[in-house]
Amino acid sequence: MNVDFIFYALVTERDRHLPLYLTSSGQWTHQDPVRRPEGFASYQWLLPLTGEGRLYVNGHSYAVKPGQAICLFPDEPHRYEATQEPWGMQFISFEGTLCGPLLEQAGVHHSGVYLVSDFAGLSRGLSPIVRAADQEPFEAAAASKQLYAFLLDLPKQLSTSRHQIHLHAERLQPVLSYIREHCHQPLSIQQLADQAQVTPQYLCSLFKTAMDLRPMEYVNRERINRSKQLIFQQPGLRIQDIAKQSGFEHASYYCTVFKKLEGLTPEQFRRSHGLG
């Protein structure tokens, strides 16, 4: 990478009907500090090639090391800067209805820094999109195909699993402790998010990556575990009382969740253990 350039695609109304379309691309031998208090209108994918940097987004600070990439979601305030120069960078920005689903499929649920397991492969997929300015004339449909191939290959090229799961599980520890202590009480997503000092949307992303569950699904599992303890500890307790003491407002919903998770009703569970 020895030439600095940036290309802005002239996006027509026809282009906006494509499921994916490029809005800009480029590369820098050294990335200057960027500050966007209002965010950026498109999704962004940035691939550092040399040096190191730091990203600030959604109230979090991320060190950007070699072998990592940055994804930024639209309209989220952020800034990034070099910590070790030169910070060489390739980048693209894109929009379209398939952006979210394809990133989700790759384990990219939010703005942040992601480990790259196949750096050469990811770079090969990104480079022709970055060089979109070389196409004369620029063809939005061709760039759309390249974007689709790039995003479709992301799951094979990112290490979102172990590293992200570990990081997100750590962030969730205060939330999980709070759920264990208060699952018998009414709980809201906002209450849980407050324990980790994140937004409800980001909390859902943490749970999705670390546990492949929604927050309230995890709460219900804890409540069912609590109800099973009550069944063993107080065999004569009525089902409606077990439901209430476990955090379920309605016994019918409690029975539905119990059967979904355990494969039998609370009463059947009690009898199967000789408690009924």
C-alpha atoms as a PDB file:
ATOM      1  CA  MET A   1       0.000   0.000   0.000  1.00  0.00           C
ATOM      2  CA  ASN A   2       1.843   3.099  -1.194  1.00  0.00           C
ATOM      3  CA  VAL A   3      -0.826   5.422  -2.609  1.00  0.00           C
ATOM      4  CA  ASP A   4      -3.330   7.418  -0.561  1.00  0.00           C
ATOM      5  CA  PHE A   5      -6.777   7.832  -2.088  1.00  0.00           C
ATOM      6  CA  ILE A   6     -10.454   7.950  -1.259  1.00  0.00           C
ATOM      7  CA  PHE A   7     -13.354   7.204  -3.593  1.00  0.00           C
ATOM      8  CA  TYR A   8     -16.943   8.347  -3.057  1.00  0.00           C
ATOM      9  CA  ALA A   9     -19.512   6.430  -5.077  1.00  0.00           C
ATOM     10  CA  LEU A  10     -22.207   8.430  -6.801  1.00  0.00           C
ATOM     11  CA  VAL A  11     -25.192   6.483  -5.472  1.00  0.00           C
ATOM     12  CA  THR A  12     -28.293   6.727  -7.656  1.00  0.00           C
ATOM     13  CA  GLU A  13     -31.862   5.909  -6.652  1.00  0.00           C
ATOM     14  CA  ARG A  14     -31.537   2.751  -8.711  1.00  0.00           C
ATOM     15  CA  ASP A  15     -28.419   1.767  -6.766  1.00  0.00           C
ATOM     16  CA  ARG A  16     -30.302   2.174  -3.487  1.00  0.00           C
ATOM     17  CA  HIS A  17     -32.577  -0.691  -4.512  1.00  0.00           C
ATOM     18  CA  LEU A  18     -29.593  -3.065  -4.458  1.00  0.00           C
ATOM     19  CA  PRO A  19     -29.401  -5.243  -1.318  1.00  0.00           C
ATOM     20  CA  LEU A  20     -25.817  -3.992  -0.851  1.00  0.00           C
ATOM     21  CA  TYR A  21     -24.138  -0.941  -2.316  1.00  0.00           C
ATOM     22  CA  LEU A  22     -20.782   0.756  -1.850  1.00  0.00           C
ATOM     23  CA  THR A  23     -20.725   4.372  -0.671  1.00  0.00           C
ATOM     24  CA  SER A  24     -16.967   4.932  -0.339  1.00  0.00           C
ATOM     25  CA  SER A  25     -13.604   3.184  -0.271  1.00  0.00           C
ATOM     26  CA  GLY A  26      -9.957   4.084   0.087  1.00  0.00           C
ATOM     27  CA  GLN A  27      -6.632   3.616   1.801  1.00  0.00           C
ATOM     28  CA  TRP A  28      -4.118   5.671   3.770  1.00  0.00           C
ATOM     29  CA  THR A  29      -0.447   5.026   4.417  1.00  0.00           C
ATOM     30  CA  HIS A  30      -1.160   6.733   7.747  1.00  0.00           C
ATOM     31  CA  GLN A  31      -4.629   7.209   9.181  1.00  0.00           C
ATOM     32  CA  ASP A  32      -5.068  10.643  10.766  1.00  0.00           C
ATOM     33  CA  PRO A  33      -7.260  10.937  13.884  1.00  0.00           C
ATOM     34  CA  VAL A  34     -10.980  10.786  13.099  1.00  0.00           C
ATOM     35  CA  ARG A  35     -13.696  12.206  15.348  1.00  0.00           C
ATOM     36  CA  ARG A  36     -17.362  11.853  14.418  1.00  0.00           C
ATOM     37  CA  PRO A  37     -19.642  13.037  17.248  1.00  0.00           C
ATOM     38  CA  GLU A  38     -22.705  12.363  15.082  1.00  0.00           C
ATOM     39  CA  GLY A  39     -21.452   9.075  13.665  1.00  0.00           C
ATOM     40  CA  PHE A  40     -21.356   8.178   9.965  1.00  0.00           C
ATOM     41  CA  ALA A  41     -24.331   7.395   7.733  1.00  0.00           C
ATOM     42  CA  SER A  42     -23.037   4.052   6.392  1.00  0.00           C
ATOM     43  CA  TYR A  43     -21.614   0.844   7.789  1.00  0.00           C
ATOM     44  CA  GLN A  44     -17.808   1.009   7.794  1.00  0.00           C
ATOM     45  CA  TRP A  45     -15.198  -1.737   7.606  1.00  0.00           C
ATOM     46  CA  LEU A  46     -11.618  -0.708   8.354  1.00  0.00           C
ATOM     47  CA  LEU A  47      -8.623  -3.010   8.009  1.00  0.00           C
ATOM     48  CA  PRO A  48      -5.392  -1.708   9.622  1.00  0.00           C
ATOM     49  CA  LEU A  49      -2.310  -2.925   7.748  1.00  0.00           C
ATOM     50  CA  THR A  50       0.475  -1.343   9.808  1.00  0.00           C
ATOM     51  CA  GLY A  51       0.850   0.246  13.233  1.00  0.00           C
ATOM     52  CA  GLU A  52      -1.664   0.243  16.070  1.00  0.00           C
ATOM     53  CA  GLY A  53      -4.533   2.459  17.179  1.00  0.00           C
ATOM     54  CA  ARG A  54      -7.412   2.993  19.551  1.00  0.00           C
ATOM     55  CA  LEU A  55     -11.153   3.097  18.876  1.00  0.00           C
ATOM     56  CA  TYR A  56     -13.741   4.843  21.050  1.00  0.00           C
ATOM     57  CA  VAL A  57     -17.388   3.919  20.453  1.00  0.00           C
ATOM     58  CA  ASN A  58     -20.534   3.321  22.521  1.00  0.00           C
ATOM     59  CA  GLY A  59     -18.759   4.368  25.696  1.00  0.00           C
ATOM     60  CA  HIS A  60     -16.003   1.786  25.242  1.00  0.00           C
ATOM     61  CA  SER A  61     -12.325   2.042  24.364  1.00  0.00           C
ATOM     62  CA  TYR A  62     -10.682  -0.653  22.225  1.00  0.00           C
ATOM     63  CA  ALA A  63      -6.992  -1.151  21.497  1.00  0.00           C
ATOM     64  CA  VAL A  64      -6.572  -1.964  17.800  1.00  0.00           C
ATOM     65  CA  LYS A  65      -3.683  -4.396  17.361  1.00  0.00           C
ATOM     66  CA  PRO A  66      -2.204  -6.090  14.279  1.00  0.00           C
ATOM     67  CA  GLY A  67      -4.482  -8.829  12.996  1.00  0.00           C
ATOM     68  CA  GLN A  68      -7.666  -7.023  13.969  1.00  0.00           C
ATOM     69  CA  ALA A  69     -10.349  -5.175  12.018  1.00  0.00           C
ATOM     70  CA  ILE A  70     -12.839  -2.454  12.900  1.00  0.00           C
ATOM     71  CA  CYS A  71     -16.545  -2.472  12.109  1.00  0.00           C
ATOM     72  CA  LEU A  72     -18.629   0.642  12.726  1.00  0.00           C
ATOM     73  CA  PHE A  73     -22.409   0.678  12.563  1.00  0.00           C
ATOM     74  CA  PRO A  74     -24.277   3.689  11.108  1.00  0.00           C
ATOM     75  CA  ASP A  75     -24.984   6.843  13.107  1.00  0.00           C
ATOM     76  CA  GLU A  76     -22.993   5.848  16.205  1.00  0.00           C
ATOM     77  CA  PRO A  77     -20.663   8.549  17.589  1.00  0.00           C
ATOM     78  CA  HIS A  78     -17.064   7.363  17.461  1.00  0.00           C
ATOM     79  CA  ARG A  79     -13.448   8.367  17.127  1.00  0.00           C
ATOM     80  CA  TYR A  80     -10.213   6.570  16.397  1.00  0.00           C
ATOM     81  CA  GLU A  81      -6.548   7.488  16.332  1.00  0.00           C
ATOM     82  CA  ALA A  82      -3.093   5.960  15.938  1.00  0.00           C
ATOM     83  CA  THR A  83      -1.077   4.879  18.965  1.00  0.00           C
ATOM     84  CA  GLN A  84       1.800   3.505  16.909  1.00  0.00           C
ATOM     85  CA  GLU A  85       2.594   5.164  13.586  1.00  0.00           C
ATOM     86  CA  PRO A  86       2.300   4.810  10.691  1.00  0.00           C
ATOM     87  CA  TRP A  87      -1.199   3.395  10.995  1.00  0.00           C
ATOM     88  CA  GLY A  88      -1.853   2.130   7.476  1.00  0.00           C
ATOM     89  CA  MET A  89      -5.496   1.523   6.671  1.00  0.00           C
ATOM     90  CA  GLN A  90      -7.845   0.181   4.000  1.00  0.00           C
ATOM     91  CA  PHE A  91     -11.525   0.997   4.373  1.00  0.00           C
ATOM     92  CA  ILE A  92     -14.926   0.731   2.766  1.00  0.00           C
ATOM     93  CA  SER A  93     -18.377   2.049   3.647  1.00  0.00           C
ATOM     94  CA  PHE A  94     -21.592   0.464   2.475  1.00  0.00           C
ATOM     95  CA  GLU A  95     -25.353   0.345   2.903  1.00  0.00           C
ATOM     96  CA  GLY A  96     -28.298  -1.877   1.989  1.00  0.00           C
ATOM     97  CA  THR A  97     -30.849  -4.208   3.526  1.00  0.00           C
ATOM     98  CA  LEU A  98     -28.431  -7.166   3.688  1.00  0.00           C
ATOM     99  CA  CYS A  99     -25.751  -5.374   5.721  1.00  0.00           C
ATOM    100  CA  GLY A 100     -27.169  -6.204   9.126  1.00  0.00           C
ATOM    101  CA  PRO A 101     -28.088  -9.857   8.439  1.00  0.00           C
ATOM    102  CA  LEU A 102     -24.728 -10.693   6.820  1.00  0.00           C
ATOM    103  CA  LEU A 103     -22.732  -9.040   9.610  1.00  0.00           C
ATOM    104  CA  GLU A 104     -24.904 -10.798  12.187  1.00  0.00           C
ATOM    105  CA  GLN A 105     -24.146 -14.101  10.476  1.00  0.00           C
ATOM    106  CA  ALA A 106     -20.428 -13.386  10.932  1.00  0.00           C
ATOM    107  CA  GLY A 107     -20.864 -12.664  14.644  1.00  0.00           C
ATOM    108  CA  VAL A 108     -20.519  -8.918  14.151  1.00  0.00           C
ATOM    109  CA  HIS A 109     -23.381  -7.676  16.313  1.00  0.00           C
ATOM    110  CA  HIS A 110     -22.187  -4.165  17.121  1.00  0.00           C
ATOM    111  CA  SER A 111     -19.491  -1.575  16.485  1.00  0.00           C
ATOM    112  CA  GLY A 112     -16.116  -2.701  17.767  1.00  0.00           C
ATOM    113  CA  VAL A 113     -12.814  -4.432  17.099  1.00  0.00           C
ATOM    114  CA  TYR A 114     -12.758  -7.991  15.777  1.00  0.00           C
ATOM    115  CA  LEU A 115      -9.977 -10.572  15.568  1.00  0.00           C
ATOM    116  CA  VAL A 116      -9.120 -11.759  12.066  1.00  0.00           C
ATOM    117  CA  SER A 117      -8.234 -15.451  11.771  1.00  0.00           C
ATOM    118  CA  ASP A 118      -7.493 -15.379   8.017  1.00  0.00           C
ATOM    119  CA  PHE A 119      -5.923 -11.976   7.416  1.00  0.00           C
ATOM    120  CA  ALA A 120      -4.688 -12.779   3.902  1.00  0.00           C
ATOM    121  CA  GLY A 121      -8.102 -14.072   2.840  1.00  0.00           C
ATOM    122  CA  LEU A 122      -9.928 -11.083   4.289  1.00  0.00           C
ATOM    123  CA  SER A 123      -7.509  -8.686   2.621  1.00  0.00           C
ATOM    124  CA  ARG A 124      -7.942 -10.450  -0.731  1.00  0.00           C
ATOM    125  CA  GLY A 125     -11.690 -10.038  -0.475  1.00  0.00           C
ATOM    126  CA  LEU A 126     -11.475  -6.405   0.577  1.00  0.00           C
ATOM    127  CA  SER A 127      -8.852  -5.140  -1.886  1.00  0.00           C
ATOM    128  CA  PRO A 128     -10.970  -5.218  -5.080  1.00  0.00           C
ATOM    129  CA  ILE A 129     -13.722  -3.299  -3.281  1.00  0.00           C
ATOM    130  CA  VAL A 130     -11.204  -0.749  -2.019  1.00  0.00           C
ATOM    131  CA  ARG A 131      -9.955  -0.383  -5.599  1.00  0.00           C
ATOM    132  CA  ALA A 132     -13.471   0.335  -6.879  1.00  0.00           C
ATOM    133  CA  ALA A 133     -12.192   3.710  -8.048  1.00  0.00           C
ATOM    134  CA  ASP A 134     -10.122   1.867 -10.683  1.00  0.00           C
ATOM    135  CA  GLN A 135     -13.290   0.712 -12.449  1.00  0.00           C
ATOM    136  CA  GLU A 136     -14.086   2.968 -15.393  1.00  0.00           C
ATOM    137  CA  PRO A 137     -16.933   3.604 -15.325  1.00  0.00           C
ATOM    138  CA  PHE A 138     -17.829   2.617 -11.761  1.00  0.00           C
ATOM    139  CA  GLU A 139     -20.461  -0.133 -11.749  1.00  0.00           C
ATOM    140  CA  ALA A 140     -22.582  -0.286  -8.608  1.00  0.00           C
ATOM    141  CA  ALA A 141     -23.871  -3.774  -9.438  1.00  0.00           C
ATOM    142  CA  ALA A 142     -20.338  -5.175  -9.771  1.00  0.00           C
ATOM    143  CA  ALA A 143     -19.320  -3.587  -6.470  1.00  0.00           C
ATOM    144  CA  SER A 144     -22.480  -5.028  -4.901  1.00  0.00           C
ATOM    145  CA  LYS A 145     -21.430  -8.537  -5.949  1.00  0.00           C
ATOM    146  CA  GLN A 146     -17.969  -8.005  -4.465  1.00  0.00           C
ATOM    147  CA  LEU A 147     -19.481  -6.698  -1.229  1.00  0.00           C
ATOM    148  CA  TYR A 148     -21.764  -9.710  -1.009  1.00  0.00           C
ATOM    149  CA  ALA A 149     -18.859 -12.129  -1.503  1.00  0.00           C
ATOM    150  CA  PHE A 150     -16.781 -10.260   1.090  1.00  0.00           C
ATOM    151  CA  LEU A 151     -19.503 -10.251   3.759  1.00  0.00           C
ATOM    152  CA  LEU A 152     -20.502 -13.840   2.998  1.00  0.00           C
ATOM    153  CA  ASP A 153     -16.910 -14.973   3.651  1.00  0.00           C
ATOM    154  CA  LEU A 154     -16.543 -13.043   6.925  1.00  0.00           C
ATOM    155  CA  PRO A 155     -17.584 -15.962   9.183  1.00  0.00           C
ATOM    156  CA  LYS A 156     -14.591 -17.945   7.872  1.00  0.00           C
ATOM    157  CA  GLN A 157     -12.163 -15.070   8.363  1.00  0.00           C
ATOM    158  CA  LEU A 158     -13.054 -13.702  11.796  1.00  0.00           C
ATOM    159  CA  SER A 159     -12.317 -15.159  15.219  1.00  0.00           C
ATOM    160  CA  THR A 160     -15.502 -13.856  16.769  1.00  0.00           C
ATOM    161  CA  SER A 161     -16.130 -17.042  18.707  1.00  0.00           C
ATOM    162  CA  ARG A 162     -13.548 -17.651  21.445  1.00  0.00           C
ATOM    163  CA  HIS A 163     -12.190 -14.147  21.881  1.00  0.00           C
ATOM    164  CA  GLN A 164     -15.525 -12.349  21.707  1.00  0.00           C
ATOM    165  CA  ILE A 165     -17.271 -14.921  23.888  1.00  0.00           C
ATOM    166  CA  HIS A 166     -14.579 -14.550  26.543  1.00  0.00           C
ATOM    167  CA  LEU A 167     -14.733 -10.751  26.493  1.00  0.00           C
ATOM    168  CA  HIS A 168     -18.512 -10.646  26.521  1.00  0.00           C
ATOM    169  CA  ALA A 169     -18.813 -13.267  29.260  1.00  0.00           C
ATOM    170  CA  GLU A 170     -16.588 -11.086  31.441  1.00  0.00           C
ATOM    171  CA  ARG A 171     -18.791  -8.061  30.775  1.00  0.00           C
ATOM    172  CA  LEU A 172     -21.864 -10.084  31.707  1.00  0.00           C
ATOM    173  CA  GLN A 173     -20.665 -11.295  35.117  1.00  0.00           C
ATOM    174  CA  PRO A 174     -22.316  -8.497  37.153  1.00  0.00           C
ATOM    175  CA  VAL A 175     -25.533  -9.020  35.173  1.00  0.00           C
ATOM    176  CA  LEU A 176     -25.553 -12.780  35.762  1.00  0.00           C
ATOM    177  CA  SER A 177     -24.927 -12.292  39.479  1.00  0.00           C
ATOM    178  CA  TYR A 178     -27.768  -9.780  39.647  1.00  0.00           C
ATOM    179  CA  ILE A 179     -30.123 -12.176  37.859  1.00  0.00           C
ATOM    180  CA  ARG A 180     -29.271 -15.028  40.242  1.00  0.00           C
ATOM    181  CA  GLU A 181     -29.986 -12.814  43.249  1.00  0.00           C
ATOM    182  CA  HIS A 182     -33.149 -11.155  41.915  1.00  0.00           C
ATOM    183  CA  CYS A 183     -34.714 -13.602  39.437  1.00  0.00           C
ATOM    184  CA  HIS A 184     -37.683 -14.106  41.805  1.00  0.00           C
ATOM    185  CA  GLN A 185     -38.504 -10.409  41.380  1.00  0.00           C
ATOM    186  CA  PRO A 186     -39.811  -8.520  38.320  1.00  0.00           C
ATOM    187  CA  LEU A 187     -36.861  -7.679  36.062  1.00  0.00           C
ATOM    188  CA  SER A 188     -36.595  -5.407  33.035  1.00  0.00           C
ATOM    189  CA  ILE A 189     -33.996  -5.245  30.280  1.00  0.00           C
ATOM    190  CA  GLN A 190     -33.097  -1.744  31.452  1.00  0.00           C
ATOM    191  CA  GLN A 191     -32.409  -2.985  34.996  1.00  0.00           C
ATOM    192  CA  LEU A 192     -30.089  -5.660  33.637  1.00  0.00           C
ATOM    193  CA  ALA A 193     -28.341  -3.254  31.265  1.00  0.00           C
ATOM    194  CA  ASP A 194     -27.701  -0.889  34.171  1.00  0.00           C
ATOM    195  CA  GLN A 195     -25.693  -3.599  35.951  1.00  0.00           C
ATOM    196  CA  ALA A 196     -23.187  -3.652  33.074  1.00  0.00           C
ATOM    197  CA  GLN A 197     -23.507   0.083  32.377  1.00  0.00           C
ATOM    198  CA  VAL A 198     -24.507  -0.515  28.766  1.00  0.00           C
ATOM    199  CA  THR A 199     -27.587   0.150  26.653  1.00  0.00           C
ATOM    200  CA  PRO A 200     -30.323  -2.511  26.425  1.00  0.00           C
ATOM    201  CA  GLN A 201     -29.431  -3.033  22.759  1.00  0.00           C
ATOM    202  CA  TYR A 202     -25.768  -3.648  23.559  1.00  0.00           C
ATOM    203  CA  LEU A 203     -26.726  -5.983  26.417  1.00  0.00           C
ATOM    204  CA  CYS A 204     -28.680  -8.096  23.930  1.00  0.00           C
ATOM    205  CA  SER A 205     -25.576  -8.259  21.711  1.00  0.00           C
ATOM    206  CA  LEU A 206     -23.432  -9.378  24.657  1.00  0.00           C
ATOM    207  CA  PHE A 207     -25.870 -12.169  25.516  1.00  0.00           C
ATOM    208  CA  LYS A 208     -26.191 -13.218  21.875  1.00  0.00           C
ATOM    209  CA  THR A 209     -22.427 -13.571  21.411  1.00  0.00           C
ATOM    210  CA  ALA A 210     -21.593 -15.100  24.796  1.00  0.00           C
ATOM    211  CA  MET A 211     -24.594 -17.398  25.272  1.00  0.00           C
ATOM    212  CA  ASP A 212     -26.671 -17.395  22.089  1.00  0.00           C
ATOM    213  CA  LEU A 213     -29.611 -16.338  24.254  1.00  0.00           C
ATOM    214  CA  ARG A 214     -31.672 -13.222  24.765  1.00  0.00           C
ATOM    215  CA  PRO A 215     -31.395 -11.697  28.257  1.00  0.00           C
ATOM    216  CA  MET A 216     -34.927 -12.652  29.285  1.00  0.00           C
ATOM    217  CA  GLU A 217     -34.401 -16.197  28.039  1.00  0.00           C
ATOM    218  CA  TYR A 218     -31.503 -16.452  30.464  1.00  0.00           C
ATOM    219  CA  VAL A 219     -33.672 -14.954  33.230  1.00  0.00           C
ATOM    220  CA  ASN A 220     -36.336 -17.586  32.585  1.00  0.00           C
ATOM    221  CA  ARG A 221     -33.750 -20.369  32.809  1.00  0.00           C
ATOM    222  CA  GLU A 222     -32.622 -19.068  36.186  1.00  0.00           C
ATOM    223  CA  ARG A 223     -36.242 -18.862  37.304  1.00  0.00           C
ATOM    224  CA  ILE A 224     -36.899 -22.444  36.231  1.00  0.00           C
ATOM    225  CA  ASN A 225     -33.805 -23.599  38.147  1.00  0.00           C
ATOM    226  CA  ARG A 226     -35.075 -21.742  41.200  1.00  0.00           C
ATOM    227  CA  SER A 227     -38.486 -23.378  40.819  1.00  0.00           C
ATOM    228  CA  LYS A 228     -36.907 -26.846  40.717  1.00  0.00           C
ATOM    229  CA  GLN A 229     -35.111 -26.083  43.971  1.00  0.00           C
ATOM    230  CA  LEU A 230     -38.443 -25.101  45.513  1.00  0.00           C
ATOM    231  CA  ILE A 231     -40.045 -28.326  44.287  1.00  0.00           C
ATOM    232  CA  PHE A 232     -37.357 -30.348  46.062  1.00  0.00           C
ATOM    233  CA  GLN A 233     -37.273 -28.190  49.181  1.00  0.00           C
ATOM    234  CA  GLN A 234     -41.051 -27.837  49.586  1.00  0.00           C
ATOM    235  CA  PRO A 235     -42.759 -30.817  47.903  1.00  0.00           C
ATOM    236  CA  GLY A 236     -46.216 -29.722  49.041  1.00  0.00           C
ATOM    237  CA  LEU A 237     -46.009 -26.212  47.596  1.00  0.00           C
ATOM    238  CA  ARG A 238     -48.725 -25.409  45.064  1.00  0.00           C
ATOM    239  CA  ILE A 239     -47.686 -24.811  41.452  1.00  0.00           C
ATOM    240  CA  GLN A 240     -49.045 -21.247  41.484  1.00  0.00           C
ATOM    241  CA  ASP A 241     -46.988 -20.489  44.609  1.00  0.00           C
ATOM    242  CA  ILE A 242     -43.868 -22.006  43.059  1.00  0.00           C
ATOM    243  CA  ALA A 243     -44.407 -19.853  39.971  1.00  0.00           C
ATOM    244  CA  LYS A 244     -44.826 -16.687  42.015  1.00  0.00           C
ATOM    245  CA  GLN A 245     -41.796 -17.350  44.233  1.00  0.00           C
ATOM    246  CA  SER A 246     -39.701 -18.065  41.134  1.00  0.00           C
ATOM    247  CA  GLY A 247     -40.520 -14.750  39.476  1.00  0.00           C
ATOM    248  CA  PHE A 248     -43.356 -15.769  37.142  1.00  0.00           C
ATOM    249  CA  GLU A 249     -46.463 -13.621  37.301  1.00  0.00           C
ATOM    250  CA  HIS A 250     -48.742 -16.305  35.855  1.00  0.00           C
ATOM    251  CA  ALA A 251     -48.663 -20.028  36.632  1.00  0.00           C
ATOM    252  CA  SER A 252     -49.757 -20.897  33.084  1.00  0.00           C
ATOM    253  CA  TYR A 253     -46.746 -19.126  31.569  1.00  0.00           C
ATOM    254  CA  TYR A 254     -44.478 -20.746  34.147  1.00  0.00           C
ATOM    255  CA  CYS A 255     -45.752 -24.189  33.126  1.00  0.00           C
ATOM    256  CA  THR A 256     -45.250 -23.360  29.436  1.00  0.00           C
ATOM    257  CA  VAL A 257     -41.640 -22.246  29.963  1.00  0.00           C
ATOM    258  CA  PHE A 258     -40.919 -25.203  32.261  1.00  0.00           C
ATOM    259  CA  LYS A 259     -42.127 -27.723  29.686  1.00  0.00           C
ATOM    260  CA  LYS A 260     -40.227 -26.004  26.890  1.00  0.00           C
ATOM    261  CA  LEU A 261     -36.948 -26.184  28.818  1.00  0.00           C
ATOM    262  CA  GLU A 262     -37.373 -29.456  30.717  1.00  0.00           C
ATOM    263  CA  GLY A 263     -39.583 -31.481  28.377  1.00  0.00           C
ATOM    264  CA  LEU A 264     -42.275 -32.067  31.003  1.00  0.00           C
ATOM    265  CA  THR A 265     -44.597 -30.033  33.192  1.00  0.00           C
ATOM    266  CA  PRO A 266     -43.713 -29.010  36.768  1.00  0.00           C
ATOM    267  CA  GLU A 267     -46.203 -31.568  38.113  1.00  0.00           C
ATOM    268  CA  GLN A 268     -44.706 -34.320  35.956  1.00  0.00           C
ATOM    269  CA  PHE A 269     -41.235 -33.271  37.107  1.00  0.00           C
ATOM    270  CA  ARG A 270     -42.346 -33.497  40.734  1.00  0.00           C
ATOM    271  CA  ARG A 271     -43.846 -36.980  40.256  1.00  0.00           C
ATOM    272  CA  SER A 272     -40.810 -38.217  38.311  1.00  0.00           C
ATOM    273  CA  HIS A 273     -38.718 -37.522  41.406  1.00  0.00           C
ATOM    274  CA  GLY A 274     -41.174 -39.186  43.750  1.00  0.00           C
ATOM    275  CA  LEU A 275     -42.282 -35.904  45.285  1.00  0.00           C
ATOM    276  CA  GLY A 276     -45.935 -35.889  44.239  1.00  0.00           C
END
